[in-house]
Amino acid sequence: MIAYLRGILDSKTPAAAVVDCGGVGWECLIPLSTYDRLPATGCDVKLLTSHVVREDAEILYGFATESEKQTFELITSVSGVGPKLALAILSGLTVGDLQLAIADGNAKRLAAVKGIGKKTAERIVVELRDKVNPIEALANGKAAEGDDAKAGILRDAMLALAALGFSDDTARQQVQRVLEEDPSVSSTETIIRRALAAK
C-alpha cells in the first residue's frame, strides 16, 4: 500500500498531479481542494495517497490533507459510490461542508454536486450519518475556512454544552445559531452563555 508520495511536483491540472520521486513520475488523481493547495511546479510536495487496485488498473488518488483522504475513504465505503464519484463530491464541497450536510441529513446539499443523484445523496447520508461527529463537522467547517482559532473555540463550546447535557446534534445546532446571529463571536464562554440563554 502506498501511503504518500514526497518529491518534486512535475505537473498539475485540476484533476491530476504528477510527483517526481527519485526520477519516477507518479500520477495521482486529485480533487479540486487538493489542486488549490498544490505549490508551483518544480517545488517540493507531499501528497497523501489512497491506492485503489481494480482488475484492469491500479490508481493513486492524492490528497493535500489527512481529512480529505479520510473523507474520500469514508465516501467510498458507501455501497455504489466509487472513487470517481468521491472525487467529484470532494471537488464540489469542502470536507467541513460535506460533514455538516451528512450530520444534518441534508441530502439536497449533496445532490447539488454535479454527478450526484438524489438517491445516491440520500444513501450517502443514511450510511454515513452515524460515522460523522456533528461537533467535529462544525469545527472542521471553520478550519477549512482557514480559521483554526475559531474552530478550536467552537469545538470547546460544543464539548462544554455536551457535558452540560445537550446531545451532540443539539449542541451543534445551538452553536450554529449563535454563529449565525453574531459571526464575530470569539469566546467559548460567550457562545456557551448565549446557547444556554436560548435553551
N, C-alpha and C. Protein backbone atom coordinates (compact mmCIF):
# COMPACT_ATOMS: atom_id res chain seq x y z
N MET A 1 0.85 -1.19 0.00
CA MET A 1 0.00 0.00 0.00
C MET A 1 0.88 1.25 0.00
N ILE A 2 0.60 2.18 -0.87
CA ILE A 2 1.36 3.43 -0.94
C ILE A 2 0.62 4.47 -0.11
N ALA A 3 1.24 4.93 0.99
CA ALA A 3 0.58 5.85 1.92
C ALA A 3 0.73 7.31 1.51
N TYR A 4 1.88 7.66 0.94
CA TYR A 4 2.08 9.03 0.49
C TYR A 4 3.22 9.10 -0.51
N LEU A 5 3.28 10.22 -1.23
CA LEU A 5 4.38 10.49 -2.15
C LEU A 5 5.03 11.80 -1.73
N ARG A 6 6.35 11.82 -1.67
CA ARG A 6 7.07 13.06 -1.40
C ARG A 6 8.12 13.23 -2.49
N GLY A 7 8.12 14.39 -3.14
CA GLY A 7 9.08 14.63 -4.21
C GLY A 7 8.89 16.00 -4.81
N ILE A 8 9.16 16.10 -6.10
CA ILE A 8 9.03 17.37 -6.82
C ILE A 8 7.74 17.33 -7.64
N LEU A 9 6.94 18.39 -7.55
CA LEU A 9 5.73 18.46 -8.35
C LEU A 9 6.11 18.71 -9.80
N ASP A 10 5.93 17.69 -10.63
CA ASP A 10 6.33 17.77 -12.04
C ASP A 10 5.28 18.49 -12.88
N SER A 11 4.01 18.19 -12.65
CA SER A 11 2.93 18.85 -13.38
C SER A 11 1.65 18.74 -12.58
N LYS A 12 0.71 19.62 -12.91
CA LYS A 12 -0.59 19.58 -12.22
C LYS A 12 -1.69 20.11 -13.12
N THR A 13 -2.87 19.52 -12.96
CA THR A 13 -4.10 20.01 -13.58
C THR A 13 -5.15 19.94 -12.48
N PRO A 14 -6.33 20.52 -12.69
CA PRO A 14 -7.36 20.41 -11.64
C PRO A 14 -7.78 18.98 -11.33
N ALA A 15 -7.43 18.03 -12.19
CA ALA A 15 -7.85 16.64 -11.98
C ALA A 15 -6.72 15.69 -11.60
N ALA A 16 -5.47 16.10 -11.82
CA ALA A 16 -4.35 15.19 -11.56
C ALA A 16 -3.06 15.94 -11.29
N ALA A 17 -2.16 15.25 -10.60
CA ALA A 17 -0.82 15.80 -10.33
C ALA A 17 0.19 14.69 -10.53
N VAL A 18 1.37 15.06 -11.04
CA VAL A 18 2.46 14.10 -11.21
C VAL A 18 3.59 14.51 -10.28
N VAL A 19 3.99 13.57 -9.41
CA VAL A 19 5.06 13.83 -8.45
C VAL A 19 6.27 13.00 -8.85
N ASP A 20 7.40 13.68 -9.03
CA ASP A 20 8.66 13.02 -9.38
C ASP A 20 9.34 12.60 -8.08
N CYS A 21 9.38 11.28 -7.87
CA CYS A 21 10.01 10.72 -6.68
C CYS A 21 11.25 9.94 -7.13
N GLY A 22 12.41 10.56 -7.01
CA GLY A 22 13.66 9.88 -7.38
C GLY A 22 13.71 9.48 -8.84
N GLY A 23 13.16 10.30 -9.73
CA GLY A 23 13.22 10.01 -11.16
C GLY A 23 12.05 9.21 -11.69
N VAL A 24 11.11 8.84 -10.81
CA VAL A 24 9.91 8.13 -11.25
C VAL A 24 8.71 9.06 -11.06
N GLY A 25 7.95 9.27 -12.12
CA GLY A 25 6.78 10.15 -12.04
C GLY A 25 5.54 9.38 -11.67
N TRP A 26 4.95 9.72 -10.52
CA TRP A 26 3.74 9.06 -10.05
C TRP A 26 2.55 9.99 -10.31
N GLU A 27 1.56 9.50 -11.06
CA GLU A 27 0.37 10.30 -11.31
C GLU A 27 -0.70 9.99 -10.26
N CYS A 28 -1.27 11.05 -9.68
CA CYS A 28 -2.36 10.91 -8.72
C CYS A 28 -3.56 11.69 -9.23
N LEU A 29 -4.72 11.09 -9.16
CA LEU A 29 -5.95 11.81 -9.43
C LEU A 29 -6.29 12.57 -8.15
N ILE A 30 -6.71 13.83 -8.28
CA ILE A 30 -6.90 14.69 -7.11
C ILE A 30 -8.24 15.44 -7.18
N PRO A 31 -8.78 15.83 -6.01
CA PRO A 31 -9.95 16.71 -6.00
C PRO A 31 -9.49 18.16 -6.17
N LEU A 32 -10.42 19.05 -6.49
CA LEU A 32 -10.09 20.47 -6.64
C LEU A 32 -9.52 21.07 -5.36
N SER A 33 -9.99 20.59 -4.21
CA SER A 33 -9.50 21.13 -2.94
C SER A 33 -8.00 20.89 -2.78
N THR A 34 -7.51 19.76 -3.29
CA THR A 34 -6.07 19.48 -3.24
C THR A 34 -5.33 20.33 -4.27
N TYR A 35 -5.91 20.45 -5.47
CA TYR A 35 -5.28 21.26 -6.52
C TYR A 35 -5.03 22.69 -6.02
N ASP A 36 -6.00 23.24 -5.30
CA ASP A 36 -5.87 24.61 -4.78
C ASP A 36 -4.72 24.75 -3.79
N ARG A 37 -4.32 23.65 -3.15
CA ARG A 37 -3.26 23.71 -2.14
C ARG A 37 -1.88 23.33 -2.70
N LEU A 38 -1.83 22.90 -3.94
CA LEU A 38 -0.55 22.48 -4.51
C LEU A 38 0.38 23.68 -4.71
N PRO A 39 1.70 23.46 -4.51
CA PRO A 39 2.66 24.53 -4.79
C PRO A 39 2.87 24.66 -6.30
N ALA A 40 3.73 25.56 -6.71
CA ALA A 40 4.07 25.71 -8.13
C ALA A 40 4.83 24.48 -8.59
N THR A 41 4.75 24.16 -9.88
CA THR A 41 5.52 23.03 -10.40
C THR A 41 7.00 23.30 -10.17
N GLY A 42 7.74 22.23 -9.90
CA GLY A 42 9.16 22.35 -9.61
C GLY A 42 9.45 22.46 -8.12
N CYS A 43 8.41 22.60 -7.30
CA CYS A 43 8.59 22.73 -5.84
C CYS A 43 8.39 21.37 -5.16
N ASP A 44 8.91 21.28 -3.93
CA ASP A 44 8.71 20.08 -3.12
C ASP A 44 7.23 19.94 -2.77
N VAL A 45 6.76 18.71 -2.76
CA VAL A 45 5.35 18.46 -2.43
C VAL A 45 5.22 17.11 -1.74
N LYS A 46 4.21 17.01 -0.90
CA LYS A 46 3.87 15.71 -0.29
C LYS A 46 2.37 15.51 -0.48
N LEU A 47 2.01 14.38 -1.07
CA LEU A 47 0.60 14.03 -1.25
C LEU A 47 0.30 12.74 -0.50
N LEU A 48 -0.71 12.78 0.34
CA LEU A 48 -1.19 11.55 0.97
C LEU A 48 -1.96 10.79 -0.11
N THR A 49 -1.86 9.49 -0.11
CA THR A 49 -2.49 8.74 -1.20
C THR A 49 -3.41 7.63 -0.73
N SER A 50 -4.36 7.32 -1.58
CA SER A 50 -5.20 6.15 -1.42
C SER A 50 -4.96 5.32 -2.68
N HIS A 51 -4.51 4.10 -2.50
CA HIS A 51 -4.11 3.23 -3.60
C HIS A 51 -5.27 2.28 -3.89
N VAL A 52 -5.89 2.44 -5.04
CA VAL A 52 -7.05 1.61 -5.41
C VAL A 52 -6.63 0.63 -6.50
N VAL A 53 -6.83 -0.65 -6.21
CA VAL A 53 -6.48 -1.71 -7.16
C VAL A 53 -7.76 -2.32 -7.72
N ARG A 54 -7.88 -2.29 -9.05
CA ARG A 54 -9.02 -2.90 -9.72
C ARG A 54 -8.49 -4.01 -10.63
N GLU A 55 -9.39 -4.75 -11.25
CA GLU A 55 -8.98 -5.83 -12.15
C GLU A 55 -8.16 -5.30 -13.32
N ASP A 56 -8.54 -4.10 -13.81
CA ASP A 56 -7.90 -3.59 -15.01
C ASP A 56 -6.95 -2.41 -14.78
N ALA A 57 -6.79 -1.98 -13.53
CA ALA A 57 -5.93 -0.82 -13.29
C ALA A 57 -5.55 -0.67 -11.82
N GLU A 58 -4.44 0.03 -11.59
CA GLU A 58 -4.05 0.47 -10.25
C GLU A 58 -4.00 1.99 -10.31
N ILE A 59 -4.75 2.64 -9.44
CA ILE A 59 -4.87 4.10 -9.49
C ILE A 59 -4.53 4.70 -8.14
N LEU A 60 -3.73 5.77 -8.17
CA LEU A 60 -3.42 6.52 -6.96
C LEU A 60 -4.30 7.77 -6.92
N TYR A 61 -4.90 8.00 -5.77
CA TYR A 61 -5.66 9.22 -5.53
C TYR A 61 -4.87 10.02 -4.50
N GLY A 62 -4.65 11.30 -4.79
CA GLY A 62 -3.80 12.12 -3.92
C GLY A 62 -4.57 13.20 -3.19
N PHE A 63 -4.10 13.51 -1.97
CA PHE A 63 -4.79 14.48 -1.12
C PHE A 63 -3.79 15.33 -0.37
N ALA A 64 -4.14 16.61 -0.21
CA ALA A 64 -3.26 17.55 0.48
C ALA A 64 -3.34 17.39 2.00
N THR A 65 -4.51 16.93 2.50
CA THR A 65 -4.68 16.83 3.95
C THR A 65 -5.21 15.45 4.35
N GLU A 66 -4.97 15.12 5.60
CA GLU A 66 -5.44 13.84 6.15
C GLU A 66 -6.97 13.80 6.15
N SER A 67 -7.62 14.94 6.43
CA SER A 67 -9.09 14.94 6.48
C SER A 67 -9.68 14.67 5.09
N GLU A 68 -9.04 15.17 4.03
CA GLU A 68 -9.51 14.87 2.67
C GLU A 68 -9.39 13.37 2.39
N LYS A 69 -8.25 12.80 2.74
CA LYS A 69 -8.04 11.37 2.49
C LYS A 69 -9.04 10.52 3.27
N GLN A 70 -9.22 10.83 4.55
CA GLN A 70 -10.15 10.06 5.38
C GLN A 70 -11.58 10.19 4.86
N THR A 71 -11.94 11.39 4.43
CA THR A 71 -13.30 11.61 3.92
C THR A 71 -13.50 10.85 2.61
N PHE A 72 -12.49 10.85 1.74
CA PHE A 72 -12.53 10.09 0.49
C PHE A 72 -12.78 8.60 0.79
N GLU A 73 -12.04 8.06 1.74
CA GLU A 73 -12.18 6.65 2.08
C GLU A 73 -13.52 6.35 2.73
N LEU A 74 -14.04 7.33 3.49
CA LEU A 74 -15.35 7.18 4.10
C LEU A 74 -16.44 7.16 3.03
N ILE A 75 -16.35 8.07 2.07
CA ILE A 75 -17.35 8.15 1.00
C ILE A 75 -17.34 6.87 0.15
N THR A 76 -16.14 6.37 -0.15
CA THR A 76 -16.07 5.17 -1.00
C THR A 76 -16.51 3.90 -0.25
N SER A 77 -16.71 4.01 1.06
CA SER A 77 -17.23 2.85 1.81
C SER A 77 -18.75 2.70 1.62
N VAL A 78 -19.38 3.72 1.05
CA VAL A 78 -20.83 3.67 0.79
C VAL A 78 -21.09 2.79 -0.43
N SER A 79 -22.06 1.89 -0.31
CA SER A 79 -22.34 0.99 -1.43
C SER A 79 -22.77 1.78 -2.67
N GLY A 80 -22.15 1.44 -3.80
CA GLY A 80 -22.47 2.09 -5.06
C GLY A 80 -21.73 3.39 -5.31
N VAL A 81 -20.85 3.79 -4.40
CA VAL A 81 -20.09 5.03 -4.58
C VAL A 81 -18.62 4.67 -4.79
N GLY A 82 -18.12 4.95 -5.98
CA GLY A 82 -16.73 4.64 -6.29
C GLY A 82 -15.82 5.85 -6.13
N PRO A 83 -14.53 5.65 -6.38
CA PRO A 83 -13.55 6.72 -6.23
C PRO A 83 -13.82 7.94 -7.10
N LYS A 84 -14.31 7.72 -8.33
CA LYS A 84 -14.56 8.84 -9.23
C LYS A 84 -15.64 9.76 -8.66
N LEU A 85 -16.70 9.16 -8.14
CA LEU A 85 -17.79 9.94 -7.55
C LEU A 85 -17.32 10.62 -6.26
N ALA A 86 -16.49 9.93 -5.49
CA ALA A 86 -15.96 10.51 -4.25
C ALA A 86 -15.12 11.75 -4.55
N LEU A 87 -14.31 11.70 -5.63
CA LEU A 87 -13.53 12.87 -6.03
C LEU A 87 -14.44 14.02 -6.44
N ALA A 88 -15.52 13.69 -7.15
CA ALA A 88 -16.47 14.73 -7.57
C ALA A 88 -17.08 15.41 -6.35
N ILE A 89 -17.42 14.63 -5.34
CA ILE A 89 -18.00 15.19 -4.12
C ILE A 89 -16.99 16.10 -3.42
N LEU A 90 -15.73 15.64 -3.29
CA LEU A 90 -14.70 16.46 -2.64
C LEU A 90 -14.33 17.68 -3.46
N SER A 91 -14.59 17.63 -4.76
CA SER A 91 -14.33 18.79 -5.61
C SER A 91 -15.47 19.81 -5.50
N GLY A 92 -16.66 19.32 -5.15
CA GLY A 92 -17.83 20.20 -5.08
C GLY A 92 -18.12 20.75 -3.70
N LEU A 93 -17.62 20.08 -2.67
CA LEU A 93 -17.86 20.51 -1.29
C LEU A 93 -16.57 20.43 -0.49
N THR A 94 -16.41 21.33 0.48
CA THR A 94 -15.28 21.20 1.39
C THR A 94 -15.57 20.03 2.33
N VAL A 95 -14.54 19.52 2.99
CA VAL A 95 -14.74 18.43 3.95
C VAL A 95 -15.72 18.87 5.03
N GLY A 96 -15.56 20.09 5.52
CA GLY A 96 -16.46 20.60 6.57
C GLY A 96 -17.90 20.69 6.10
N ASP A 97 -18.12 21.22 4.88
CA ASP A 97 -19.48 21.33 4.33
C ASP A 97 -20.11 19.95 4.12
N LEU A 98 -19.30 19.02 3.65
CA LEU A 98 -19.79 17.66 3.43
C LEU A 98 -20.19 17.02 4.75
N GLN A 99 -19.33 17.15 5.77
CA GLN A 99 -19.63 16.56 7.08
C GLN A 99 -20.89 17.19 7.68
N LEU A 100 -21.02 18.52 7.53
CA LEU A 100 -22.23 19.19 8.04
C LEU A 100 -23.48 18.71 7.32
N ALA A 101 -23.40 18.56 6.01
CA ALA A 101 -24.55 18.08 5.24
C ALA A 101 -24.96 16.69 5.70
N ILE A 102 -23.98 15.83 5.95
CA ILE A 102 -24.27 14.46 6.41
C ILE A 102 -24.84 14.51 7.82
N ALA A 103 -24.21 15.28 8.72
CA ALA A 103 -24.67 15.38 10.11
C ALA A 103 -26.10 15.94 10.18
N ASP A 104 -26.42 16.89 9.28
CA ASP A 104 -27.76 17.50 9.25
C ASP A 104 -28.77 16.65 8.50
N GLY A 105 -28.31 15.58 7.82
CA GLY A 105 -29.20 14.78 7.00
C GLY A 105 -29.66 15.54 5.76
N ASN A 106 -28.80 16.47 5.29
CA ASN A 106 -29.15 17.35 4.18
C ASN A 106 -28.72 16.73 2.83
N ALA A 107 -29.53 15.79 2.35
CA ALA A 107 -29.22 15.12 1.09
C ALA A 107 -29.30 16.09 -0.09
N LYS A 108 -30.14 17.13 0.03
CA LYS A 108 -30.26 18.12 -1.05
C LYS A 108 -28.93 18.82 -1.31
N ARG A 109 -28.21 19.11 -0.24
CA ARG A 109 -26.89 19.77 -0.38
C ARG A 109 -25.94 18.89 -1.18
N LEU A 110 -25.96 17.59 -0.90
CA LEU A 110 -25.11 16.65 -1.64
C LEU A 110 -25.57 16.50 -3.09
N ALA A 111 -26.88 16.45 -3.28
CA ALA A 111 -27.42 16.26 -4.62
C ALA A 111 -27.13 17.46 -5.53
N ALA A 112 -26.77 18.60 -4.92
CA ALA A 112 -26.45 19.80 -5.72
C ALA A 112 -25.09 19.66 -6.42
N VAL A 113 -24.27 18.70 -5.97
CA VAL A 113 -22.97 18.46 -6.60
C VAL A 113 -23.19 17.74 -7.92
N LYS A 114 -22.55 18.24 -8.98
CA LYS A 114 -22.72 17.66 -10.32
C LYS A 114 -22.34 16.18 -10.31
N GLY A 115 -23.22 15.36 -10.86
CA GLY A 115 -22.95 13.92 -10.94
C GLY A 115 -23.53 13.11 -9.80
N ILE A 116 -24.07 13.79 -8.78
CA ILE A 116 -24.66 13.08 -7.64
C ILE A 116 -26.18 13.15 -7.75
N GLY A 117 -26.80 12.01 -7.90
CA GLY A 117 -28.25 11.98 -7.97
C GLY A 117 -28.88 12.00 -6.59
N LYS A 118 -30.20 12.19 -6.57
CA LYS A 118 -30.93 12.27 -5.30
C LYS A 118 -30.79 10.99 -4.49
N LYS A 119 -30.94 9.84 -5.15
CA LYS A 119 -30.87 8.56 -4.42
C LYS A 119 -29.48 8.31 -3.86
N THR A 120 -28.46 8.64 -4.64
CA THR A 120 -27.09 8.45 -4.17
C THR A 120 -26.82 9.37 -2.97
N ALA A 121 -27.28 10.62 -3.06
CA ALA A 121 -27.10 11.57 -1.96
C ALA A 121 -27.77 11.05 -0.69
N GLU A 122 -28.99 10.53 -0.84
CA GLU A 122 -29.72 10.00 0.32
C GLU A 122 -29.01 8.79 0.91
N ARG A 123 -28.46 7.93 0.05
CA ARG A 123 -27.75 6.74 0.52
C ARG A 123 -26.50 7.14 1.30
N ILE A 124 -25.77 8.16 0.79
CA ILE A 124 -24.57 8.64 1.48
C ILE A 124 -24.93 9.15 2.87
N VAL A 125 -26.00 9.94 2.96
CA VAL A 125 -26.42 10.49 4.26
C VAL A 125 -26.81 9.37 5.21
N VAL A 126 -27.61 8.42 4.74
CA VAL A 126 -28.09 7.33 5.59
C VAL A 126 -26.92 6.47 6.09
N GLU A 127 -26.01 6.10 5.18
CA GLU A 127 -24.93 5.20 5.56
C GLU A 127 -23.84 5.86 6.39
N LEU A 128 -23.67 7.19 6.24
CA LEU A 128 -22.55 7.84 6.94
C LEU A 128 -22.95 8.68 8.13
N ARG A 129 -24.24 8.88 8.34
CA ARG A 129 -24.67 9.80 9.41
C ARG A 129 -24.11 9.39 10.77
N ASP A 130 -24.09 8.10 11.07
CA ASP A 130 -23.58 7.65 12.36
C ASP A 130 -22.06 7.69 12.44
N LYS A 131 -21.39 7.89 11.29
CA LYS A 131 -19.93 7.90 11.27
C LYS A 131 -19.35 9.30 11.28
N VAL A 132 -20.22 10.33 11.23
CA VAL A 132 -19.75 11.72 11.23
C VAL A 132 -20.12 12.36 12.56
N ASN A 133 -19.12 12.86 13.26
CA ASN A 133 -19.34 13.54 14.54
C ASN A 133 -19.79 14.97 14.25
N PRO A 134 -21.02 15.34 14.68
CA PRO A 134 -21.51 16.68 14.37
C PRO A 134 -20.66 17.80 14.96
N ILE A 135 -20.04 17.54 16.10
CA ILE A 135 -19.18 18.55 16.73
C ILE A 135 -17.96 18.80 15.85
N GLU A 136 -17.33 17.71 15.40
CA GLU A 136 -16.16 17.86 14.53
C GLU A 136 -16.55 18.46 13.18
N ALA A 137 -17.76 18.15 12.70
CA ALA A 137 -18.21 18.67 11.41
C ALA A 137 -18.23 20.19 11.40
N LEU A 138 -18.80 20.78 12.45
CA LEU A 138 -18.87 22.25 12.50
C LEU A 138 -17.48 22.85 12.68
N ALA A 139 -16.67 22.25 13.54
CA ALA A 139 -15.31 22.75 13.75
C ALA A 139 -14.48 22.63 12.48
N ASN A 140 -14.62 21.51 11.77
CA ASN A 140 -13.87 21.31 10.53
C ASN A 140 -14.27 22.31 9.46
N GLY A 141 -15.54 22.72 9.48
CA GLY A 141 -16.00 23.73 8.53
C GLY A 141 -15.24 25.03 8.73
N LYS A 142 -15.04 25.43 9.97
CA LYS A 142 -14.30 26.66 10.26
C LYS A 142 -12.81 26.49 9.96
N ALA A 143 -12.26 25.31 10.27
CA ALA A 143 -10.85 25.06 9.99
C ALA A 143 -10.59 25.11 8.49
N ALA A 144 -11.56 24.60 7.70
CA ALA A 144 -11.40 24.62 6.24
C ALA A 144 -11.41 26.04 5.70
N GLU A 145 -12.07 26.95 6.42
CA GLU A 145 -12.09 28.35 6.01
C GLU A 145 -10.80 29.06 6.41
N GLY A 146 -9.89 28.32 7.04
CA GLY A 146 -8.61 28.90 7.45
C GLY A 146 -8.66 29.53 8.82
N ASP A 147 -9.75 29.29 9.57
CA ASP A 147 -9.91 29.91 10.88
C ASP A 147 -9.75 28.84 11.96
N ASP A 148 -8.50 28.39 12.18
CA ASP A 148 -8.24 27.33 13.15
C ASP A 148 -8.57 27.76 14.57
N ALA A 149 -8.34 29.04 14.90
CA ALA A 149 -8.63 29.54 16.25
C ALA A 149 -10.13 29.44 16.52
N LYS A 150 -10.94 29.87 15.53
CA LYS A 150 -12.40 29.80 15.68
C LYS A 150 -12.85 28.35 15.77
N ALA A 151 -12.20 27.47 15.00
CA ALA A 151 -12.55 26.04 15.05
C ALA A 151 -12.36 25.49 16.45
N GLY A 152 -11.26 25.86 17.10
CA GLY A 152 -10.99 25.39 18.46
C GLY A 152 -12.02 25.91 19.46
N ILE A 153 -12.41 27.18 19.31
CA ILE A 153 -13.41 27.80 20.19
C ILE A 153 -14.76 27.08 20.02
N LEU A 154 -15.14 26.82 18.78
CA LEU A 154 -16.41 26.14 18.52
C LEU A 154 -16.41 24.73 19.08
N ARG A 155 -15.30 24.04 18.88
CA ARG A 155 -15.19 22.66 19.38
C ARG A 155 -15.32 22.66 20.90
N ASP A 156 -14.61 23.58 21.57
CA ASP A 156 -14.68 23.66 23.04
C ASP A 156 -16.09 23.97 23.52
N ALA A 157 -16.77 24.91 22.82
CA ALA A 157 -18.13 25.28 23.21
C ALA A 157 -19.08 24.10 23.06
N MET A 158 -18.96 23.36 21.96
CA MET A 158 -19.85 22.22 21.74
C MET A 158 -19.59 21.11 22.74
N LEU A 159 -18.32 20.88 23.06
CA LEU A 159 -17.99 19.85 24.05
C LEU A 159 -18.51 20.24 25.43
N ALA A 160 -18.42 21.54 25.77
CA ALA A 160 -18.93 22.02 27.05
C ALA A 160 -20.44 21.85 27.13
N LEU A 161 -21.14 22.19 26.04
CA LEU A 161 -22.59 22.03 26.02
C LEU A 161 -22.99 20.56 26.11
N ALA A 162 -22.21 19.69 25.46
CA ALA A 162 -22.48 18.25 25.56
C ALA A 162 -22.30 17.77 27.00
N ALA A 163 -21.27 18.32 27.67
CA ALA A 163 -21.03 17.96 29.08
C ALA A 163 -22.16 18.46 29.98
N LEU A 164 -22.85 19.51 29.54
CA LEU A 164 -23.97 20.08 30.32
C LEU A 164 -25.30 19.38 30.01
N GLY A 165 -25.23 18.34 29.18
CA GLY A 165 -26.43 17.55 28.94
C GLY A 165 -27.07 17.69 27.57
N PHE A 166 -26.52 18.55 26.71
CA PHE A 166 -27.04 18.67 25.35
C PHE A 166 -26.60 17.45 24.54
N SER A 167 -27.44 16.99 23.61
CA SER A 167 -26.98 15.95 22.68
C SER A 167 -25.99 16.61 21.73
N ASP A 168 -25.17 15.81 21.06
CA ASP A 168 -24.20 16.38 20.10
C ASP A 168 -24.90 17.22 19.04
N ASP A 169 -26.03 16.71 18.52
CA ASP A 169 -26.76 17.44 17.48
C ASP A 169 -27.28 18.78 18.00
N THR A 170 -27.85 18.75 19.20
CA THR A 170 -28.40 19.99 19.77
C THR A 170 -27.29 20.98 20.07
N ALA A 171 -26.17 20.49 20.59
CA ALA A 171 -25.03 21.38 20.88
C ALA A 171 -24.55 22.05 19.60
N ARG A 172 -24.45 21.27 18.53
CA ARG A 172 -24.01 21.83 17.25
C ARG A 172 -25.01 22.86 16.73
N GLN A 173 -26.29 22.53 16.82
CA GLN A 173 -27.32 23.45 16.34
C GLN A 173 -27.32 24.76 17.12
N GLN A 174 -27.13 24.67 18.44
CA GLN A 174 -27.11 25.88 19.27
C GLN A 174 -25.90 26.75 18.92
N VAL A 175 -24.75 26.12 18.74
CA VAL A 175 -23.54 26.88 18.40
C VAL A 175 -23.70 27.50 17.01
N GLN A 176 -24.27 26.77 16.07
CA GLN A 176 -24.52 27.32 14.73
C GLN A 176 -25.45 28.53 14.80
N ARG A 177 -26.49 28.43 15.64
CA ARG A 177 -27.43 29.54 15.78
C ARG A 177 -26.72 30.78 16.33
N VAL A 178 -25.88 30.58 17.36
CA VAL A 178 -25.14 31.70 17.93
C VAL A 178 -24.23 32.33 16.87
N LEU A 179 -23.57 31.50 16.07
CA LEU A 179 -22.69 32.00 15.00
C LEU A 179 -23.46 32.77 13.94
N GLU A 180 -24.65 32.28 13.59
CA GLU A 180 -25.45 32.97 12.58
C GLU A 180 -25.91 34.34 13.08
N GLU A 181 -26.23 34.41 14.38
CA GLU A 181 -26.67 35.68 14.96
C GLU A 181 -25.51 36.66 15.10
N ASP A 182 -24.33 36.13 15.42
CA ASP A 182 -23.16 37.00 15.62
C ASP A 182 -21.90 36.29 15.13
N PRO A 183 -21.58 36.40 13.82
CA PRO A 183 -20.41 35.71 13.25
C PRO A 183 -19.08 36.14 13.88
N SER A 184 -19.06 37.29 14.53
CA SER A 184 -17.80 37.79 15.10
C SER A 184 -17.52 37.25 16.51
N VAL A 185 -18.45 36.47 17.06
CA VAL A 185 -18.25 35.95 18.41
C VAL A 185 -16.92 35.19 18.48
N SER A 186 -16.14 35.48 19.53
CA SER A 186 -14.78 34.92 19.55
C SER A 186 -14.39 34.33 20.90
N SER A 187 -15.38 34.02 21.72
CA SER A 187 -15.04 33.42 23.02
C SER A 187 -15.95 32.25 23.32
N THR A 188 -15.35 31.19 23.84
CA THR A 188 -16.10 29.98 24.18
C THR A 188 -17.19 30.30 25.19
N GLU A 189 -16.84 31.11 26.21
CA GLU A 189 -17.79 31.45 27.28
C GLU A 189 -19.02 32.16 26.72
N THR A 190 -18.81 33.09 25.79
CA THR A 190 -19.93 33.84 25.20
C THR A 190 -20.86 32.90 24.44
N ILE A 191 -20.28 31.99 23.68
CA ILE A 191 -21.09 31.03 22.92
C ILE A 191 -21.92 30.18 23.86
N ILE A 192 -21.29 29.67 24.92
CA ILE A 192 -22.00 28.82 25.87
C ILE A 192 -23.12 29.59 26.55
N ARG A 193 -22.82 30.82 27.00
CA ARG A 193 -23.82 31.65 27.67
C ARG A 193 -25.04 31.90 26.78
N ARG A 194 -24.79 32.26 25.52
CA ARG A 194 -25.89 32.55 24.59
C ARG A 194 -26.68 31.27 24.25
N ALA A 195 -25.98 30.16 24.13
CA ALA A 195 -26.66 28.90 23.84
C ALA A 195 -27.56 28.50 25.01
N LEU A 196 -27.08 28.68 26.22
CA LEU A 196 -27.87 28.33 27.42
C LEU A 196 -29.06 29.28 27.58
N ALA A 197 -28.86 30.53 27.23
CA ALA A 197 -29.95 31.52 27.36
C ALA A 197 -31.10 31.20 26.41
N ALA A 198 -30.81 30.54 25.31
CA ALA A 198 -31.84 30.23 24.31
C ALA A 198 -32.49 28.89 24.53
N LYS A 199 -32.00 28.15 25.54
CA LYS A 199 -32.48 26.78 25.75
C LYS A 199 -33.97 26.76 26.07
